[in-house]
């Protein structure tokens, strides 16, 4: 490990060669600069790097053999030999003359009907994987603390900010005091005000987004109960999380990298958390939800024209 990075390989199948470039883009921000050079090299020239020994790749990138091996493991391969095999497979695919892939499963010349079917299947699998991997004990604990919280702060940036806003709006409509923060400075400023009895929720697919980790750390230090919704249960964000809710990480691709595909699994976890809270607070949640519907009803009724 380097600078606190946790290697990702845990005995699971390594990623498909076609997903390598997307994997590099997703993990690069959490890598050291030397590891980034290795990752960028293998993604940019898979054929050339596949022909290199570990020593050769280290010399090419101005790094060490240990850095090359650590990078391979962080990308999901047991060792450099496995990464070389994946690079050779990717190079062969690129040289085969087949239609280029816009995602791991969809070619540039696929009919739109096939695109719809493949994406629908992928979404279904993402949801199934997330449901299967979600720790219901952790979820139950998160529901319990959120149901009685004085205040709930939610942190997310980029694609995860959309999920944070979704959860914040849902909790507001059942009468809870909840705020989603996308601006990292405001997130930290608000986190300073939290205390015991409050809840802070961080949403980050990579588990290493500094702008999300920092306010969660502040909230944790202030005594708030903290929850992390992440695709990396071994990521840095979990150091400051009392409860961890894991999302699916299996389906990254060139055109639908983690920043897009992760949103499906995050929204499922958010819905599970929200429904659990609504169940526990039903006596107050139901009237609050009805009142919000009534307050907005006139905005959904077509106005008569004269």
Foldseek 3Di string as FASTA:
>chain_A
DPPLDDFDADPDDAAALQQLVLLLVLCVVVDDPLLNLLSCVCNVQLPVVLPDDLCRSCVVSVHDSVSNQSSCRNNHHNGVNRVSVNSVVVVCVVPVPDAPAQWPPHGPPDDVVVVVVVVVVLLVVQQVVLVVPWDVVLLLVLLVLQLQAQEEEEEDEQLVLVLQVVLQVLCVLLPHHYDYDHDLVVLLVVLLPAAARHEYEYEDASLEDPSRQNSLQSNLVRHHAYEYEYQDCSHPSVVSHPGYTHGHQRGAINNQRCSHSRSSRSNVSSVSSSVSSCVVSVVRRVVSNVVVCVVCVVVVDDDDDD
